[in-house]
Amino acid sequence: MLKTGRGLTLIELLMVIAVTVLLAVLGAAPIGHLVSHWQVRSTLDKSQTLVRYAREQALASGQPVWVAFRPGRPWCLAVTQQWPCDCLQANDCQFNQRSVNLLGQANGAVSLSAHTFAPGQALRFDGLRGFSVGHAGRWQFSRDGVAGELVISNHGRVRRCGVDGAIIGLASC
C-alpha cells in the first residue's frame, strides 16, 4: 500500500515565513537597546578602573596625579603627572613615561556627552590622601538614549550610576 504524505502548501509556508520575519523585527529593537546598555556600562567600568588607578598612583607616589579628559566625539580620558595635556594627542599625556588612556573610538558609538568640570579643568588627586577636593565632578557617557555617569567625590571615591535608572544593574543617579 502506498501512503501519501501531507506536505506544506505554499500558503502555509508563506505564513511561517511571515511570522518568523515579524518576530525578528519585533525582537531587533530590544536587542539593539541592550547593546547600548552594555556599551555604556562597559565604558563606565573601564573609566572607573582608570580613575581608581590614578588615585592609587597618587597615594603610592605621594605626588598629585591628574585625569585629563576631552568630551565629545572622539573623547578620551588619560592619567598624567603633567598638566595641562591633550589626551587626543599621541604621547602628550604621560604617566611614568607611558600612555595610560581610554579613547572613545575603542568604545563604539558611546560619547562623553556631558561633564561638570570647568573648561580646561582636569580631575586631580592629591598625593597625601587621594582627595580630589576642588576637582570633583561627573562625566556622563551616552549612546542611543542610554546614559550613565561616573561620579567622583571630593574624597576621591568613584561610583557609577544610570541616568534615570537607565543602566541595568546600576543605581539611579
C-alpha atoms as a PDB file:
ATOM      1  CA  MET A   1       0.000   0.000   0.000  1.00  0.00           C
ATOM      2  CA  LEU A   2       1.252   3.419  -0.968  1.00  0.00           C
ATOM      3  CA  LYS A   3       0.994   6.164   1.686  1.00  0.00           C
ATOM      4  CA  THR A   4       0.647   9.722   0.630  1.00  0.00           C
ATOM      5  CA  GLY A   5       2.287  12.219   2.964  1.00  0.00           C
ATOM      6  CA  ARG A   6       0.807  15.573   3.689  1.00  0.00           C
ATOM      7  CA  GLY A   7       3.252  18.354   2.864  1.00  0.00           C
ATOM      8  CA  LEU A   8       3.091  22.092   3.404  1.00  0.00           C
ATOM      9  CA  THR A   9       1.115  24.158   0.987  1.00  0.00           C
ATOM     10  CA  LEU A  10       2.538  27.370  -0.385  1.00  0.00           C
ATOM     11  CA  ILE A  11       0.183  29.443   1.783  1.00  0.00           C
ATOM     12  CA  GLU A  12       1.246  27.619   4.952  1.00  0.00           C
ATOM     13  CA  LEU A  13       4.896  28.122   4.067  1.00  0.00           C
ATOM     14  CA  LEU A  14       4.353  31.855   3.444  1.00  0.00           C
ATOM     15  CA  MET A  15       2.551  32.172   6.802  1.00  0.00           C
ATOM     16  CA  VAL A  16       5.503  30.574   8.619  1.00  0.00           C
ATOM     17  CA  ILE A  17       7.925  32.947   6.881  1.00  0.00           C
ATOM     18  CA  ALA A  18       5.725  35.972   7.693  1.00  0.00           C
ATOM     19  CA  VAL A  19       5.515  35.062  11.378  1.00  0.00           C
ATOM     20  CA  THR A  20       9.290  34.486  11.516  1.00  0.00           C
ATOM     21  CA  VAL A  21      10.008  37.881   9.937  1.00  0.00           C
ATOM     22  CA  LEU A  22       7.549  39.585  12.291  1.00  0.00           C
ATOM     23  CA  LEU A  23       9.206  38.048  15.357  1.00  0.00           C
ATOM     24  CA  ALA A  24      12.661  39.020  14.070  1.00  0.00           C
ATOM     25  CA  VAL A  25      11.606  42.648  13.506  1.00  0.00           C
ATOM     26  CA  LEU A  26       9.940  42.945  16.911  1.00  0.00           C
ATOM     27  CA  GLY A  27      12.956  41.424  18.658  1.00  0.00           C
ATOM     28  CA  ALA A  28      15.572  43.596  16.902  1.00  0.00           C
ATOM     29  CA  ALA A  29      14.693  46.847  18.734  1.00  0.00           C
ATOM     30  CA  PRO A  30      15.061  45.454  22.268  1.00  0.00           C
ATOM     31  CA  ILE A  31      18.328  43.736  21.346  1.00  0.00           C
ATOM     32  CA  GLY A  32      19.684  46.992  19.907  1.00  0.00           C
ATOM     33  CA  HIS A  33      18.724  48.792  23.131  1.00  0.00           C
ATOM     34  CA  LEU A  34      20.502  46.128  25.201  1.00  0.00           C
ATOM     35  CA  VAL A  35      23.653  46.629  23.132  1.00  0.00           C
ATOM     36  CA  SER A  36      23.553  50.339  24.042  1.00  0.00           C
ATOM     37  CA  HIS A  37      23.216  49.389  27.724  1.00  0.00           C
ATOM     38  CA  TRP A  38      26.191  47.016  27.515  1.00  0.00           C
ATOM     39  CA  GLN A  39      28.410  49.503  25.693  1.00  0.00           C
ATOM     40  CA  VAL A  40      27.661  52.372  28.096  1.00  0.00           C
ATOM     41  CA  ARG A  41      28.128  50.082  31.104  1.00  0.00           C
ATOM     42  CA  SER A  42      31.420  48.774  29.705  1.00  0.00           C
ATOM     43  CA  THR A  43      32.647  52.337  29.180  1.00  0.00           C
ATOM     44  CA  LEU A  44      31.651  53.244  32.756  1.00  0.00           C
ATOM     45  CA  ASP A  45      33.514  50.182  34.079  1.00  0.00           C
ATOM     46  CA  LYS A  46      36.695  50.989  32.133  1.00  0.00           C
ATOM     47  CA  SER A  47      36.545  54.668  33.125  1.00  0.00           C
ATOM     48  CA  GLN A  48      36.033  53.788  36.785  1.00  0.00           C
ATOM     49  CA  THR A  49      39.063  51.478  36.650  1.00  0.00           C
ATOM     50  CA  LEU A  50      41.198  54.213  35.078  1.00  0.00           C
ATOM     51  CA  VAL A  51      40.160  56.813  37.683  1.00  0.00           C
ATOM     52  CA  ARG A  52      40.777  54.413  40.575  1.00  0.00           C
ATOM     53  CA  TYR A  53      44.207  53.635  39.114  1.00  0.00           C
ATOM     54  CA  ALA A  54      45.025  57.355  39.034  1.00  0.00           C
ATOM     55  CA  ARG A  55      44.027  57.750  42.702  1.00  0.00           C
ATOM     56  CA  GLU A  56      46.067  54.692  43.734  1.00  0.00           C
ATOM     57  CA  GLN A  57      49.116  56.053  41.899  1.00  0.00           C
ATOM     58  CA  ALA A  58      48.767  59.431  43.629  1.00  0.00           C
ATOM     59  CA  LEU A  59      48.682  57.728  47.015  1.00  0.00           C
ATOM     60  CA  ALA A  60      51.598  55.407  46.155  1.00  0.00           C
ATOM     61  CA  SER A  61      53.838  58.176  44.818  1.00  0.00           C
ATOM     62  CA  GLY A  62      52.856  60.926  47.237  1.00  0.00           C
ATOM     63  CA  GLN A  63      52.558  63.246  44.208  1.00  0.00           C
ATOM     64  CA  PRO A  64      49.465  64.713  42.547  1.00  0.00           C
ATOM     65  CA  VAL A  65      48.065  62.776  39.597  1.00  0.00           C
ATOM     66  CA  TRP A  66      45.582  64.166  37.061  1.00  0.00           C
ATOM     67  CA  VAL A  67      42.991  62.549  34.847  1.00  0.00           C
ATOM     68  CA  ALA A  68      42.839  64.671  31.713  1.00  0.00           C
ATOM     69  CA  PHE A  69      39.768  64.397  29.513  1.00  0.00           C
ATOM     70  CA  ARG A  70      38.277  65.674  26.310  1.00  0.00           C
ATOM     71  CA  PRO A  71      34.470  65.391  25.826  1.00  0.00           C
ATOM     72  CA  GLY A  72      32.521  64.812  22.613  1.00  0.00           C
ATOM     73  CA  ARG A  73      33.429  62.523  19.745  1.00  0.00           C
ATOM     74  CA  PRO A  74      36.085  61.338  19.776  1.00  0.00           C
ATOM     75  CA  TRP A  75      36.573  61.565  23.534  1.00  0.00           C
ATOM     76  CA  CYS A  76      39.367  60.465  25.839  1.00  0.00           C
ATOM     77  CA  LEU A  77      40.496  60.083  29.438  1.00  0.00           C
ATOM     78  CA  ALA A  78      44.181  59.871  30.399  1.00  0.00           C
ATOM     79  CA  VAL A  79      46.211  59.531  33.594  1.00  0.00           C
ATOM     80  CA  THR A  80      49.062  62.033  33.711  1.00  0.00           C
ATOM     81  CA  GLN A  81      51.685  63.522  36.001  1.00  0.00           C
ATOM     82  CA  GLN A  82      51.803  66.718  33.952  1.00  0.00           C
ATOM     83  CA  TRP A  83      49.000  69.174  33.464  1.00  0.00           C
ATOM     84  CA  PRO A  84      47.871  70.508  31.033  1.00  0.00           C
ATOM     85  CA  CYS A  85      47.978  67.879  28.318  1.00  0.00           C
ATOM     86  CA  ASP A  86      45.739  66.770  25.440  1.00  0.00           C
ATOM     87  CA  CYS A  87      44.760  63.112  25.672  1.00  0.00           C
ATOM     88  CA  LEU A  88      43.855  63.008  21.962  1.00  0.00           C
ATOM     89  CA  GLN A  89      47.447  63.817  21.003  1.00  0.00           C
ATOM     90  CA  ALA A  90      49.723  60.795  20.928  1.00  0.00           C
ATOM     91  CA  ASN A  91      52.090  60.668  23.929  1.00  0.00           C
ATOM     92  CA  ASP A  92      51.042  64.117  25.192  1.00  0.00           C
ATOM     93  CA  CYS A  93      49.671  62.760  28.480  1.00  0.00           C
ATOM     94  CA  GLN A  94      52.322  60.573  30.083  1.00  0.00           C
ATOM     95  CA  PHE A  95      52.405  58.619  33.301  1.00  0.00           C
ATOM     96  CA  ASN A  96      55.766  57.045  34.205  1.00  0.00           C
ATOM     97  CA  GLN A  97      56.918  57.524  30.583  1.00  0.00           C
ATOM     98  CA  ARG A  98      53.939  55.700  29.077  1.00  0.00           C
ATOM     99  CA  SER A  99      50.417  56.477  27.957  1.00  0.00           C
ATOM    100  CA  VAL A 100      47.617  55.314  30.248  1.00  0.00           C
ATOM    101  CA  ASN A 101      44.441  56.333  28.483  1.00  0.00           C
ATOM    102  CA  LEU A 102      40.984  55.374  27.314  1.00  0.00           C
ATOM    103  CA  LEU A 103      39.956  56.507  23.844  1.00  0.00           C
ATOM    104  CA  GLY A 104      36.344  56.856  22.768  1.00  0.00           C
ATOM    105  CA  GLN A 105      36.983  55.323  19.351  1.00  0.00           C
ATOM    106  CA  ALA A 106      37.596  51.980  21.070  1.00  0.00           C
ATOM    107  CA  ASN A 107      34.124  52.054  22.628  1.00  0.00           C
ATOM    108  CA  GLY A 108      31.833  52.159  19.600  1.00  0.00           C
ATOM    109  CA  ALA A 109      29.268  54.901  19.443  1.00  0.00           C
ATOM    110  CA  VAL A 110      29.447  55.849  23.132  1.00  0.00           C
ATOM    111  CA  SER A 111      30.161  59.530  23.644  1.00  0.00           C
ATOM    112  CA  LEU A 112      31.348  61.566  26.609  1.00  0.00           C
ATOM    113  CA  SER A 113      28.283  63.754  26.337  1.00  0.00           C
ATOM    114  CA  ALA A 114      28.428  65.945  29.458  1.00  0.00           C
ATOM    115  CA  HIS A 115      30.580  66.833  32.453  1.00  0.00           C
ATOM    116  CA  THR A 116      30.548  69.154  35.446  1.00  0.00           C
ATOM    117  CA  PHE A 117      34.157  70.297  35.245  1.00  0.00           C
ATOM    118  CA  ALA A 118      35.091  73.874  34.363  1.00  0.00           C
ATOM    119  CA  PRO A 119      36.582  74.423  30.878  1.00  0.00           C
ATOM    120  CA  GLY A 120      40.237  73.425  30.851  1.00  0.00           C
ATOM    121  CA  GLN A 121      39.980  71.680  34.214  1.00  0.00           C
ATOM    122  CA  ALA A 122      41.054  68.093  34.924  1.00  0.00           C
ATOM    123  CA  LEU A 123      40.356  65.666  37.729  1.00  0.00           C
ATOM    124  CA  ARG A 124      43.217  65.905  40.250  1.00  0.00           C
ATOM    125  CA  PHE A 125      44.068  63.562  43.111  1.00  0.00           C
ATOM    126  CA  ASP A 126      46.416  64.836  45.811  1.00  0.00           C
ATOM    127  CA  GLY A 127      49.286  62.590  46.824  1.00  0.00           C
ATOM    128  CA  LEU A 128      48.681  62.814  50.569  1.00  0.00           C
ATOM    129  CA  ARG A 129      45.156  61.410  50.998  1.00  0.00           C
ATOM    130  CA  GLY A 130      43.964  60.757  47.441  1.00  0.00           C
ATOM    131  CA  PHE A 131      41.374  63.510  47.754  1.00  0.00           C
ATOM    132  CA  SER A 132      40.060  65.386  44.746  1.00  0.00           C
ATOM    133  CA  VAL A 133      38.873  68.471  46.682  1.00  0.00           C
ATOM    134  CA  GLY A 134      38.070  71.268  44.275  1.00  0.00           C
ATOM    135  CA  HIS A 135      38.414  68.878  41.344  1.00  0.00           C
ATOM    136  CA  ALA A 136      35.499  66.503  41.928  1.00  0.00           C
ATOM    137  CA  GLY A 137      32.789  66.136  39.319  1.00  0.00           C
ATOM    138  CA  ARG A 138      30.846  63.929  36.931  1.00  0.00           C
ATOM    139  CA  TRP A 139      31.264  62.547  33.447  1.00  0.00           C
ATOM    140  CA  GLN A 140      28.214  61.398  31.521  1.00  0.00           C
ATOM    141  CA  PHE A 141      28.559  58.718  28.855  1.00  0.00           C
ATOM    142  CA  SER A 142      25.692  58.020  26.476  1.00  0.00           C
ATOM    143  CA  ARG A 143      24.563  56.124  23.411  1.00  0.00           C
ATOM    144  CA  ASP A 144      21.145  55.991  21.743  1.00  0.00           C
ATOM    145  CA  GLY A 145      19.268  57.496  24.695  1.00  0.00           C
ATOM    146  CA  VAL A 146      21.009  55.333  27.304  1.00  0.00           C
ATOM    147  CA  ALA A 147      23.150  57.381  29.695  1.00  0.00           C
ATOM    148  CA  GLY A 148      25.285  56.652  32.718  1.00  0.00           C
ATOM    149  CA  GLU A 149      27.526  58.775  34.909  1.00  0.00           C
ATOM    150  CA  LEU A 150      30.855  58.351  36.606  1.00  0.00           C
ATOM    151  CA  VAL A 151      30.746  60.406  39.826  1.00  0.00           C
ATOM    152  CA  ILE A 152      33.939  61.412  41.660  1.00  0.00           C
ATOM    153  CA  SER A 153      33.515  62.825  45.179  1.00  0.00           C
ATOM    154  CA  ASN A 154      35.790  65.304  46.972  1.00  0.00           C
ATOM    155  CA  HIS A 155      37.126  62.349  48.968  1.00  0.00           C
ATOM    156  CA  GLY A 156      38.241  60.613  45.769  1.00  0.00           C
ATOM    157  CA  ARG A 157      35.525  57.971  45.783  1.00  0.00           C
ATOM    158  CA  VAL A 158      34.309  56.844  42.382  1.00  0.00           C
ATOM    159  CA  ARG A 159      30.877  55.401  41.645  1.00  0.00           C
ATOM    160  CA  ARG A 160      28.781  54.580  38.573  1.00  0.00           C
ATOM    161  CA  CYS A 161      25.083  55.228  38.139  1.00  0.00           C
ATOM    162  CA  GLY A 162      22.446  55.157  35.422  1.00  0.00           C
ATOM    163  CA  VAL A 163      20.742  58.406  34.464  1.00  0.00           C
ATOM    164  CA  ASP A 164      17.069  57.926  35.398  1.00  0.00           C
ATOM    165  CA  GLY A 165      17.830  54.274  36.138  1.00  0.00           C
ATOM    166  CA  ALA A 166      18.727  53.667  32.503  1.00  0.00           C
ATOM    167  CA  ILE A 167      21.574  51.195  33.107  1.00  0.00           C
ATOM    168  CA  ILE A 168      20.606  47.683  34.125  1.00  0.00           C
ATOM    169  CA  GLY A 169      22.178  46.733  37.452  1.00  0.00           C
ATOM    170  CA  LEU A 170      23.264  50.259  38.454  1.00  0.00           C
ATOM    171  CA  ALA A 171      21.632  52.637  40.915  1.00  0.00           C
ATOM    172  CA  SER A 172      19.848  55.661  39.536  1.00  0.00           C
ATOM    173  CA  CYS A 173      21.700  58.977  39.523  1.00  0.00           C
END
